[in-house]
């Protein structure tokens, strides 16, 4: 039943994104960013409101930890790559 809830949530979020695309096509660009924010928040918080019979035994805690560690590594790496644009190797100084 957990997969059924995930499909319902996915369909709702995809519908919101289709609305954002239709607004973009129709020229209502000032609303597109807010519709995207609503889609992200809906995807994040809708699982708390749409609940079914969920089997907690299928959750692998070690896998969740591994995924969050990977997310942390990728985020830190992207931050380092973005910071390199602020430094000039030709005029390197401590200031």
PDB file of N, CA and C in Angstrom:
ATOM      1  N   UNK A   1       0.818  -1.199   0.000  1.00  0.00           N
ATOM      2  CA  UNK A   1       0.000   0.000   0.000  1.00  0.00           C
ATOM      3  C   UNK A   1       0.858   1.257   0.000  1.00  0.00           C
ATOM      4  N   UNK A   2       2.095   1.134   0.512  1.00  0.00           N
ATOM      5  CA  UNK A   2       2.982   2.294   0.534  1.00  0.00           C
ATOM      6  C   UNK A   2       3.319   2.776  -0.861  1.00  0.00           C
ATOM      7  N   UNK A   3       3.446   1.828  -1.806  1.00  0.00           N
ATOM      8  CA  UNK A   3       3.738   2.223  -3.184  1.00  0.00           C
ATOM      9  C   UNK A   3       2.552   2.944  -3.799  1.00  0.00           C
ATOM     10  N   UNK A   4       1.331   2.538  -3.441  1.00  0.00           N
ATOM     11  CA  UNK A   4       0.140   3.219  -3.946  1.00  0.00           C
ATOM     12  C   UNK A   4       0.089   4.665  -3.489  1.00  0.00           C
ATOM     13  N   UNK A   5       0.454   4.903  -2.232  1.00  0.00           N
ATOM     14  CA  UNK A   5       0.501   6.277  -1.722  1.00  0.00           C
ATOM     15  C   UNK A   5       1.567   7.088  -2.444  1.00  0.00           C
ATOM     16  N   UNK A   6       2.703   6.468  -2.721  1.00  0.00           N
ATOM     17  CA  UNK A   6       3.775   7.167  -3.429  1.00  0.00           C
ATOM     18  C   UNK A   6       3.344   7.555  -4.836  1.00  0.00           C
ATOM     19  N   UNK A   7       2.599   6.673  -5.495  1.00  0.00           N
ATOM     20  CA  UNK A   7       2.125   6.983  -6.845  1.00  0.00           C
ATOM     21  C   UNK A   7       1.117   8.126  -6.814  1.00  0.00           C
ATOM     22  N   UNK A   8       0.243   8.132  -5.821  1.00  0.00           N
ATOM     23  CA  UNK A   8      -0.730   9.230  -5.690  1.00  0.00           C
ATOM     24  C   UNK A   8      -0.006  10.558  -5.472  1.00  0.00           C
ATOM     25  N   UNK A   9       0.981  10.557  -4.586  1.00  0.00           N
ATOM     26  CA  UNK A   9       1.745  11.785  -4.319  1.00  0.00           C
ATOM     27  C   UNK A   9       2.499  12.225  -5.560  1.00  0.00           C
ATOM     28  N   UNK A  10       3.104  11.269  -6.276  1.00  0.00           N
ATOM     29  CA  UNK A  10       3.820  11.596  -7.504  1.00  0.00           C
ATOM     30  C   UNK A  10       2.887  12.203  -8.547  1.00  0.00           C
ATOM     31  N   UNK A  11       1.701  11.662  -8.689  1.00  0.00           N
ATOM     32  CA  UNK A  11       0.736  12.204  -9.650  1.00  0.00           C
ATOM     33  C   UNK A  11       0.303  13.620  -9.275  1.00  0.00           C
ATOM     34  N   UNK A  12       0.118  13.872  -7.990  1.00  0.00           N
ATOM     35  CA  UNK A  12      -0.265  15.219  -7.550  1.00  0.00           C
ATOM     36  C   UNK A  12       0.853  16.209  -7.837  1.00  0.00           C
ATOM     37  N   UNK A  13       2.095  15.839  -7.516  1.00  0.00           N
ATOM     38  CA  UNK A  13       3.233  16.738  -7.750  1.00  0.00           C
ATOM     39  C   UNK A  13       3.445  16.959  -9.246  1.00  0.00           C
ATOM     40  N   UNK A  14       3.328  15.906 -10.040  1.00  0.00           N
ATOM     41  CA  UNK A  14       3.476  16.060 -11.494  1.00  0.00           C
ATOM     42  C   UNK A  14       2.381  16.940 -12.070  1.00  0.00           C
ATOM     43  N   UNK A  15       1.172  16.840 -11.529  1.00  0.00           N
ATOM     44  CA  UNK A  15       0.082  17.713 -11.973  1.00  0.00           C
ATOM     45  C   UNK A  15       0.399  19.171 -11.674  1.00  0.00           C
ATOM     46  N   UNK A  16       0.977  19.433 -10.525  1.00  0.00           N
ATOM     47  CA  UNK A  16       1.359  20.812 -10.182  1.00  0.00           C
ATOM     48  C   UNK A  16       2.443  21.308 -11.142  1.00  0.00           C
ATOM     49  N   UNK A  17       3.393  20.442 -11.493  1.00  0.00           N
ATOM     50  CA  UNK A  17       4.425  20.845 -12.449  1.00  0.00           C
ATOM     51  C   UNK A  17       3.843  21.089 -13.843  1.00  0.00           C
ATOM     52  N   UNK A  18       2.848  20.303 -14.232  1.00  0.00           N
ATOM     53  CA  UNK A  18       2.188  20.537 -15.527  1.00  0.00           C
ATOM     54  C   UNK A  18       1.483  21.885 -15.515  1.00  0.00           C
ATOM     55  N   UNK A  19       0.875  22.236 -14.388  1.00  0.00           N
ATOM     56  CA  UNK A  19       0.257  23.560 -14.257  1.00  0.00           C
ATOM     57  C   UNK A  19       1.312  24.650 -14.404  1.00  0.00           C
ATOM     58  N   UNK A  20       2.496  24.431 -13.818  1.00  0.00           N
ATOM     59  CA  UNK A  20       3.579  25.410 -13.948  1.00  0.00           C
ATOM     60  C   UNK A  20       4.020  25.547 -15.402  1.00  0.00           C
ATOM     61  N   UNK A  21       4.103  24.431 -16.121  1.00  0.00           N
ATOM     62  CA  UNK A  21       4.492  24.485 -17.532  1.00  0.00           C
ATOM     63  C   UNK A  21       3.437  25.212 -18.350  1.00  0.00           C
ATOM     64  N   UNK A  22       2.168  24.947 -18.061  1.00  0.00           N
ATOM     65  CA  UNK A  22       1.094  25.637 -18.783  1.00  0.00           C
ATOM     66  C   UNK A  22       1.105  27.137 -18.506  1.00  0.00           C
ATOM     67  N   UNK A  23       1.416  27.518 -17.270  1.00  0.00           N
ATOM     68  CA  UNK A  23       1.536  28.947 -16.952  1.00  0.00           C
ATOM     69  C   UNK A  23       2.708  29.571 -17.692  1.00  0.00           C
ATOM     70  N   UNK A  24       3.802  28.832 -17.811  1.00  0.00           N
ATOM     71  CA  UNK A  24       4.971  29.330 -18.532  1.00  0.00           C
ATOM     72  C   UNK A  24       4.652  29.514 -20.012  1.00  0.00           C
ATOM     73  N   UNK A  25       3.938  28.556 -20.588  1.00  0.00           N
ATOM     74  CA  UNK A  25       3.574  28.656 -22.000  1.00  0.00           C
ATOM     75  C   UNK A  25       2.602  29.799 -22.241  1.00  0.00           C
ATOM     76  N   UNK A  26       1.684  30.001 -21.304  1.00  0.00           N
ATOM     77  CA  UNK A  26       0.676  31.048 -21.495  1.00  0.00           C
ATOM     78  C   UNK A  26       1.183  32.440 -21.137  1.00  0.00           C
ATOM     79  N   UNK A  27       2.413  32.562 -20.670  1.00  0.00           N
ATOM     80  CA  UNK A  27       2.996  33.873 -20.410  1.00  0.00           C
ATOM     81  C   UNK A  27       2.853  34.344 -18.978  1.00  0.00           C
ATOM     82  N   UNK A  28       2.394  33.518 -18.083  1.00  0.00           N
ATOM     83  CA  UNK A  28       2.243  33.901 -16.678  1.00  0.00           C
ATOM     84  C   UNK A  28       3.497  33.520 -15.892  1.00  0.00           C
ATOM     85  N   UNK A  29       4.624  34.068 -16.328  1.00  0.00           N
ATOM     86  CA  UNK A  29       5.906  33.672 -15.746  1.00  0.00           C
ATOM     87  C   UNK A  29       6.070  34.112 -14.295  1.00  0.00           C
ATOM     88  N   UNK A  30       5.348  35.115 -13.862  1.00  0.00           N
ATOM     89  CA  UNK A  30       5.501  35.591 -12.478  1.00  0.00           C
ATOM     90  C   UNK A  30       4.953  34.583 -11.468  1.00  0.00           C
ATOM     91  N   UNK A  31       4.119  33.637 -11.917  1.00  0.00           N
ATOM     92  CA  UNK A  31       3.551  32.653 -11.008  1.00  0.00           C
ATOM     93  C   UNK A  31       4.300  31.318 -11.019  1.00  0.00           C
ATOM     94  N   UNK A  32       5.157  31.120 -11.990  1.00  0.00           N
ATOM     95  CA  UNK A  32       5.797  29.808 -12.170  1.00  0.00           C
ATOM     96  C   UNK A  32       6.680  29.446 -10.977  1.00  0.00           C
ATOM     97  N   UNK A  33       7.457  30.382 -10.461  1.00  0.00           N
ATOM     98  CA  UNK A  33       8.344  30.072  -9.334  1.00  0.00           C
ATOM     99  C   UNK A  33       7.540  29.685  -8.103  1.00  0.00           C
ATOM    100  N   UNK A  34       6.412  30.348  -7.881  1.00  0.00           N
ATOM    101  CA  UNK A  34       5.588  30.029  -6.715  1.00  0.00           C
ATOM    102  C   UNK A  34       4.907  28.682  -6.876  1.00  0.00           C
ATOM    103  N   UNK A  35       4.519  28.354  -8.089  1.00  0.00           N
ATOM    104  CA  UNK A  35       3.921  27.042  -8.344  1.00  0.00           C
ATOM    105  C   UNK A  35       4.973  25.947  -8.130  1.00  0.00           C
ATOM    106  N   UNK A  36       6.211  26.216  -8.526  1.00  0.00           N
ATOM    107  CA  UNK A  36       7.290  25.248  -8.284  1.00  0.00           C
ATOM    108  C   UNK A  36       7.559  25.071  -6.791  1.00  0.00           C
ATOM    109  N   UNK A  37       7.498  26.163  -6.036  1.00  0.00           N
ATOM    110  CA  UNK A  37       7.676  26.079  -4.584  1.00  0.00           C
ATOM    111  C   UNK A  37       6.560  25.234  -3.973  1.00  0.00           C
ATOM    112  N   UNK A  38       5.336  25.449  -4.440  1.00  0.00           N
ATOM    113  CA  UNK A  38       4.202  24.659  -3.948  1.00  0.00           C
ATOM    114  C   UNK A  38       4.407  23.175  -4.281  1.00  0.00           C
ATOM    115  N   UNK A  39       4.932  22.876  -5.475  1.00  0.00           N
ATOM    116  CA  UNK A  39       5.166  21.487  -5.869  1.00  0.00           C
ATOM    117  C   UNK A  39       6.206  20.834  -4.961  1.00  0.00           C
ATOM    118  N   UNK A  40       7.269  21.547  -4.656  1.00  0.00           N
ATOM    119  CA  UNK A  40       8.315  20.983  -3.789  1.00  0.00           C
ATOM    120  C   UNK A  40       7.787  20.761  -2.376  1.00  0.00           C
ATOM    121  N   UNK A  41       7.069  21.752  -1.851  1.00  0.00           N
ATOM    122  CA  UNK A  41       6.517  21.609  -0.503  1.00  0.00           C
ATOM    123  C   UNK A  41       5.459  20.511  -0.445  1.00  0.00           C
ATOM    124  N   UNK A  42       4.683  20.390  -1.499  1.00  0.00           N
ATOM    125  CA  UNK A  42       3.686  19.324  -1.557  1.00  0.00           C
ATOM    126  C   UNK A  42       4.367  17.962  -1.546  1.00  0.00           C
ATOM    127  N   UNK A  43       5.416  17.812  -2.339  1.00  0.00           N
ATOM    128  CA  UNK A  43       6.139  16.549  -2.354  1.00  0.00           C
ATOM    129  C   UNK A  43       6.808  16.232  -1.032  1.00  0.00           C
ATOM    130  N   UNK A  44       7.200  17.276  -0.302  1.00  0.00           N
ATOM    131  CA  UNK A  44       7.878  17.060   0.971  1.00  0.00           C
ATOM    132  C   UNK A  44       6.902  16.730   2.102  1.00  0.00           C
ATOM    133  N   UNK A  45       5.741  17.392   2.113  1.00  0.00           N
ATOM    134  CA  UNK A  45       4.856  17.267   3.262  1.00  0.00           C
ATOM    135  C   UNK A  45       3.597  16.449   3.016  1.00  0.00           C
ATOM    136  N   UNK A  46       3.261  16.142   1.787  1.00  0.00           N
ATOM    137  CA  UNK A  46       2.053  15.363   1.512  1.00  0.00           C
ATOM    138  C   UNK A  46       2.113  13.951   2.086  1.00  0.00           C
ATOM    139  N   UNK A  47       3.284  13.307   2.167  1.00  0.00           N
ATOM    140  CA  UNK A  47       3.303  11.973   2.794  1.00  0.00           C
ATOM    141  C   UNK A  47       2.837  11.967   4.244  1.00  0.00           C
ATOM    142  N   UNK A  48       2.926  13.101   4.937  1.00  0.00           N
ATOM    143  CA  UNK A  48       2.441  13.156   6.309  1.00  0.00           C
ATOM    144  C   UNK A  48       0.915  13.143   6.372  1.00  0.00           C
ATOM    145  N   UNK A  49       0.278  13.615   5.305  1.00  0.00           N
ATOM    146  CA  UNK A  49      -1.177  13.709   5.297  1.00  0.00           C
ATOM    147  C   UNK A  49      -1.849  12.525   4.612  1.00  0.00           C
ATOM    148  N   UNK A  50      -1.201  11.948   3.615  1.00  0.00           N
ATOM    149  CA  UNK A  50      -1.737  10.764   2.946  1.00  0.00           C
ATOM    150  C   UNK A  50      -1.011   9.560   3.525  1.00  0.00           C
ATOM    151  N   UNK A  51      -1.679   8.893   4.404  1.00  0.00           N
ATOM    152  CA  UNK A  51      -1.057   7.741   5.054  1.00  0.00           C
ATOM    153  C   UNK A  51      -1.860   6.493   4.755  1.00  0.00           C
ATOM    154  N   UNK A  52      -1.165   5.431   4.642  1.00  0.00           N
ATOM    155  CA  UNK A  52      -1.800   4.140   4.458  1.00  0.00           C
ATOM    156  C   UNK A  52      -1.164   3.156   5.413  1.00  0.00           C
ATOM    157  N   UNK A  53      -1.399   1.907   5.186  1.00  0.00           N
ATOM    158  CA  UNK A  53      -0.752   0.898   6.001  1.00  0.00           C
ATOM    159  C   UNK A  53       0.661   0.721   5.475  1.00  0.00           C
ATOM    160  N   UNK A  54       1.601   1.173   6.243  1.00  0.00           N
ATOM    161  CA  UNK A  54       2.996   1.152   5.831  1.00  0.00           C
ATOM    162  C   UNK A  54       3.749   0.168   6.702  1.00  0.00           C
ATOM    163  N   UNK A  55       4.459  -0.724   6.072  1.00  0.00           N
ATOM    164  CA  UNK A  55       5.227  -1.727   6.780  1.00  0.00           C
ATOM    165  C   UNK A  55       6.594  -1.155   7.141  1.00  0.00           C
ATOM    166  N   UNK A  56       6.811  -0.911   8.420  1.00  0.00           N
ATOM    167  CA  UNK A  56       8.064  -0.303   8.862  1.00  0.00           C
ATOM    168  C   UNK A  56       9.254  -1.250   8.749  1.00  0.00           C
ATOM    169  N   UNK A  57       8.988  -2.528   8.570  1.00  0.00           N
ATOM    170  CA  UNK A  57      10.088  -3.481   8.493  1.00  0.00           C
ATOM    171  C   UNK A  57      10.858  -3.374   7.176  1.00  0.00           C
ATOM    172  N   UNK A  58      10.301  -2.685   6.170  1.00  0.00           N
ATOM    173  CA  UNK A  58      11.011  -2.573   4.898  1.00  0.00           C
ATOM    174  C   UNK A  58      12.029  -1.440   4.899  1.00  0.00           C
ATOM    175  N   UNK A  59      12.042  -0.628   5.950  1.00  0.00           N
ATOM    176  CA  UNK A  59      12.990   0.482   6.035  1.00  0.00           C
ATOM    177  C   UNK A  59      14.347  -0.055   6.472  1.00  0.00           C
ATOM    178  N   UNK A  60      15.356   0.245   5.692  1.00  0.00           N
ATOM    179  CA  UNK A  60      16.716  -0.146   6.042  1.00  0.00           C
ATOM    180  C   UNK A  60      17.435   1.096   6.549  1.00  0.00           C
ATOM    181  N   UNK A  61      17.647   1.166   7.862  1.00  0.00           N
ATOM    182  CA  UNK A  61      18.263   2.349   8.454  1.00  0.00           C
ATOM    183  C   UNK A  61      19.671   2.574   7.930  1.00  0.00           C
ATOM    184  N   UNK A  62      20.423   1.501   7.749  1.00  0.00           N
ATOM    185  CA  UNK A  62      21.794   1.659   7.250  1.00  0.00           C
ATOM    186  C   UNK A  62      21.789   2.234   5.834  1.00  0.00           C
ATOM    187  N   UNK A  63      20.809   1.871   5.032  1.00  0.00           N
ATOM    188  CA  UNK A  63      20.707   2.434   3.683  1.00  0.00           C
ATOM    189  C   UNK A  63      20.358   3.921   3.747  1.00  0.00           C
ATOM    190  N   UNK A  64      19.460   4.300   4.657  1.00  0.00           N
ATOM    191  CA  UNK A  64      19.124   5.719   4.812  1.00  0.00           C
ATOM    192  C   UNK A  64      20.344   6.532   5.238  1.00  0.00           C
ATOM    193  N   UNK A  65      21.112   6.000   6.172  1.00  0.00           N
ATOM    194  CA  UNK A  65      22.323   6.680   6.619  1.00  0.00           C
ATOM    195  C   UNK A  65      23.298   6.837   5.459  1.00  0.00           C
ATOM    196  N   UNK A  66      23.437   5.785   4.685  1.00  0.00           N
ATOM    197  CA  UNK A  66      24.336   5.823   3.527  1.00  0.00           C
ATOM    198  C   UNK A  66      23.903   6.888   2.517  1.00  0.00           C
ATOM    199  N   UNK A  67      22.604   6.983   2.272  1.00  0.00           N
ATOM    200  CA  UNK A  67      22.100   7.976   1.309  1.00  0.00           C
ATOM    201  C   UNK A  67      22.314   9.395   1.821  1.00  0.00           C
ATOM    202  N   UNK A  68      22.097   9.631   3.116  1.00  0.00           N
ATOM    203  CA  UNK A  68      22.323  10.970   3.662  1.00  0.00           C
ATOM    204  C   UNK A  68      23.805  11.326   3.681  1.00  0.00           C
ATOM    205  N   UNK A  69      24.661  10.340   3.908  1.00  0.00           N
ATOM    206  CA  UNK A  69      26.097  10.597   3.824  1.00  0.00           C
ATOM    207  C   UNK A  69      26.493  10.983   2.404  1.00  0.00           C
ATOM    208  N   UNK A  70      25.932  10.292   1.428  1.00  0.00           N
ATOM    209  CA  UNK A  70      26.215  10.621   0.034  1.00  0.00           C
ATOM    210  C   UNK A  70      25.718  12.016  -0.307  1.00  0.00           C
ATOM    211  N   UNK A  71      24.543  12.364   0.175  1.00  0.00           N
ATOM    212  CA  UNK A  71      24.005  13.705  -0.056  1.00  0.00           C
ATOM    213  C   UNK A  71      24.909  14.767   0.564  1.00  0.00           C
ATOM    214  N   UNK A  72      25.426  14.494   1.747  1.00  0.00           N
ATOM    215  CA  UNK A  72      26.333  15.436   2.404  1.00  0.00           C
ATOM    216  C   UNK A  72      27.625  15.594   1.617  1.00  0.00           C
ATOM    217  N   UNK A  73      28.175  14.497   1.133  1.00  0.00           N
ATOM    218  CA  UNK A  73      29.416  14.556   0.361  1.00  0.00           C
ATOM    219  C   UNK A  73      29.219  15.335  -0.929  1.00  0.00           C
ATOM    220  N   UNK A  74      28.130  15.077  -1.621  1.00  0.00           N
ATOM    221  CA  UNK A  74      27.863  15.779  -2.877  1.00  0.00           C
ATOM    222  C   UNK A  74      27.645  17.271  -2.627  1.00  0.00           C
ATOM    223  N   UNK A  75      26.886  17.603  -1.584  1.00  0.00           N
ATOM    224  CA  UNK A  75      26.626  19.012  -1.272  1.00  0.00           C
ATOM    225  C   UNK A  75      27.911  19.738  -0.906  1.00  0.00           C
ATOM    226  N   UNK A  76      28.762  19.105  -0.097  1.00  0.00           N
ATOM    227  CA  UNK A  76      30.030  19.726   0.278  1.00  0.00           C
ATOM    228  C   UNK A  76      30.925  19.902  -0.945  1.00  0.00           C
ATOM    229  N   UNK A  77      30.967  18.902  -1.808  1.00  0.00           N
ATOM    230  CA  UNK A  77      31.774  19.003  -3.030  1.00  0.00           C
ATOM    231  C   UNK A  77      31.294  20.114  -3.946  1.00  0.00           C
ATOM    232  N   UNK A  78      29.980  20.244  -4.093  1.00  0.00           N
ATOM    233  CA  UNK A  78      29.438  21.329  -4.924  1.00  0.00           C
ATOM    234  C   UNK A  78      29.751  22.691  -4.314  1.00  0.00           C
ATOM    235  N   UNK A  79      29.722  22.783  -2.993  1.00  0.00           N
ATOM    236  CA  UNK A  79      30.057  24.045  -2.337  1.00  0.00           C
ATOM    237  C   UNK A  79      31.507  24.425  -2.597  1.00  0.00           C
ATOM    238  N   UNK A  80      32.411  23.452  -2.536  1.00  0.00           N
ATOM    239  CA  UNK A  80      33.828  23.722  -2.804  1.00  0.00           C
ATOM    240  C   UNK A  80      34.021  24.168  -4.246  1.00  0.00           C
ATOM    241  N   UNK A  81      33.354  23.487  -5.179  1.00  0.00           N
ATOM    242  CA  UNK A  81      33.477  23.859  -6.593  1.00  0.00           C
ATOM    243  C   UNK A  81      32.954  25.271  -6.824  1.00  0.00           C
ATOM    244  N   UNK A  82      31.855  25.632  -6.171  1.00  0.00           N
ATOM    245  CA  UNK A  82      31.297  26.980  -6.340  1.00  0.00           C
ATOM    246  C   UNK A  82      32.186  28.045  -5.708  1.00  0.00           C
ATOM    247  N   UNK A  83      32.886  27.694  -4.637  1.00  0.00           N
ATOM    248  CA  UNK A  83      33.764  28.665  -3.990  1.00  0.00           C
ATOM    249  C   UNK A  83      35.017  28.963  -4.813  1.00  0.00           C
ATOM    250  N   UNK A  84      35.430  28.054  -5.670  1.00  0.00           N
ATOM    251  CA  UNK A  84      36.660  28.261  -6.429  1.00  0.00           C
ATOM    252  C   UNK A  84      36.557  29.428  -7.404  1.00  0.00           C
ATOM    253  N   UNK A  85      35.355  29.830  -7.768  1.00  0.00           N
ATOM    254  CA  UNK A  85      35.201  30.952  -8.690  1.00  0.00           C
ATOM    255  C   UNK A  85      35.566  32.292  -8.044  1.00  0.00           C
ATOM    256  N   UNK A  86      35.604  32.339  -6.719  1.00  0.00           N
ATOM    257  CA  UNK A  86      35.901  33.584  -6.031  1.00  0.00           C
ATOM    258  C   UNK A  86      37.408  33.826  -5.869  1.00  0.00           C
ATOM    259  N   UNK A  87      38.230  32.853  -6.199  1.00  0.00           N
ATOM    260  CA  UNK A  87      39.667  32.980  -6.013  1.00  0.00           C
ATOM    261  C   UNK A  87      40.363  33.102  -7.354  1.00  0.00           C
ATOM    262  N   UNK A  88      41.335  33.959  -7.383  1.00  0.00           N
ATOM    263  CA  UNK A  88      42.120  34.187  -8.599  1.00  0.00           C
ATOM    264  C   UNK A  88      43.528  33.651  -8.336  1.00  0.00           C
ATOM    265  N   UNK A  89      43.948  32.663  -9.080  1.00  0.00           N
ATOM    266  CA  UNK A  89      45.261  32.067  -8.839  1.00  0.00           C
ATOM    267  C   UNK A  89      46.403  32.979  -9.274  1.00  0.00           C
ATOM    268  N   UNK A  90      46.135  33.921 -10.180  1.00  0.00           N
ATOM    269  CA  UNK A  90      47.186  34.843 -10.641  1.00  0.00           C
ATOM    270  C   UNK A  90      47.508  35.874  -9.548  1.00  0.00           C
ATOM    271  N   UNK A  91      46.519  36.293  -8.779  1.00  0.00           N
ATOM    272  CA  UNK A  91      46.700  37.300  -7.724  1.00  0.00           C
ATOM    273  C   UNK A  91      46.307  36.704  -6.380  1.00  0.00           C
ATOM    274  N   UNK A  92      47.013  35.680  -5.960  1.00  0.00           N
ATOM    275  CA  UNK A  92      46.671  35.011  -4.723  1.00  0.00           C
ATOM    276  C   UNK A  92      47.222  35.792  -3.542  1.00  0.00           C
ATOM    277  N   UNK A  93      46.336  36.116  -2.592  1.00  0.00           N
ATOM    278  CA  UNK A  93      46.753  36.737  -1.351  1.00  0.00           C
ATOM    279  C   UNK A  93      45.808  36.263  -0.234  1.00  0.00           C
ATOM    280  N   UNK A  94      46.157  36.555   1.004  1.00  0.00           N
ATOM    281  CA  UNK A  94      45.381  36.069   2.118  1.00  0.00           C
ATOM    282  C   UNK A  94      44.125  36.899   2.366  1.00  0.00           C
ATOM    283  N   UNK A  95      44.038  38.078   1.834  1.00  0.00           N
ATOM    284  CA  UNK A  95      42.871  38.929   2.021  1.00  0.00           C
ATOM    285  C   UNK A  95      41.764  38.392   1.167  1.00  0.00           C
TER     286      UNK A  95
END
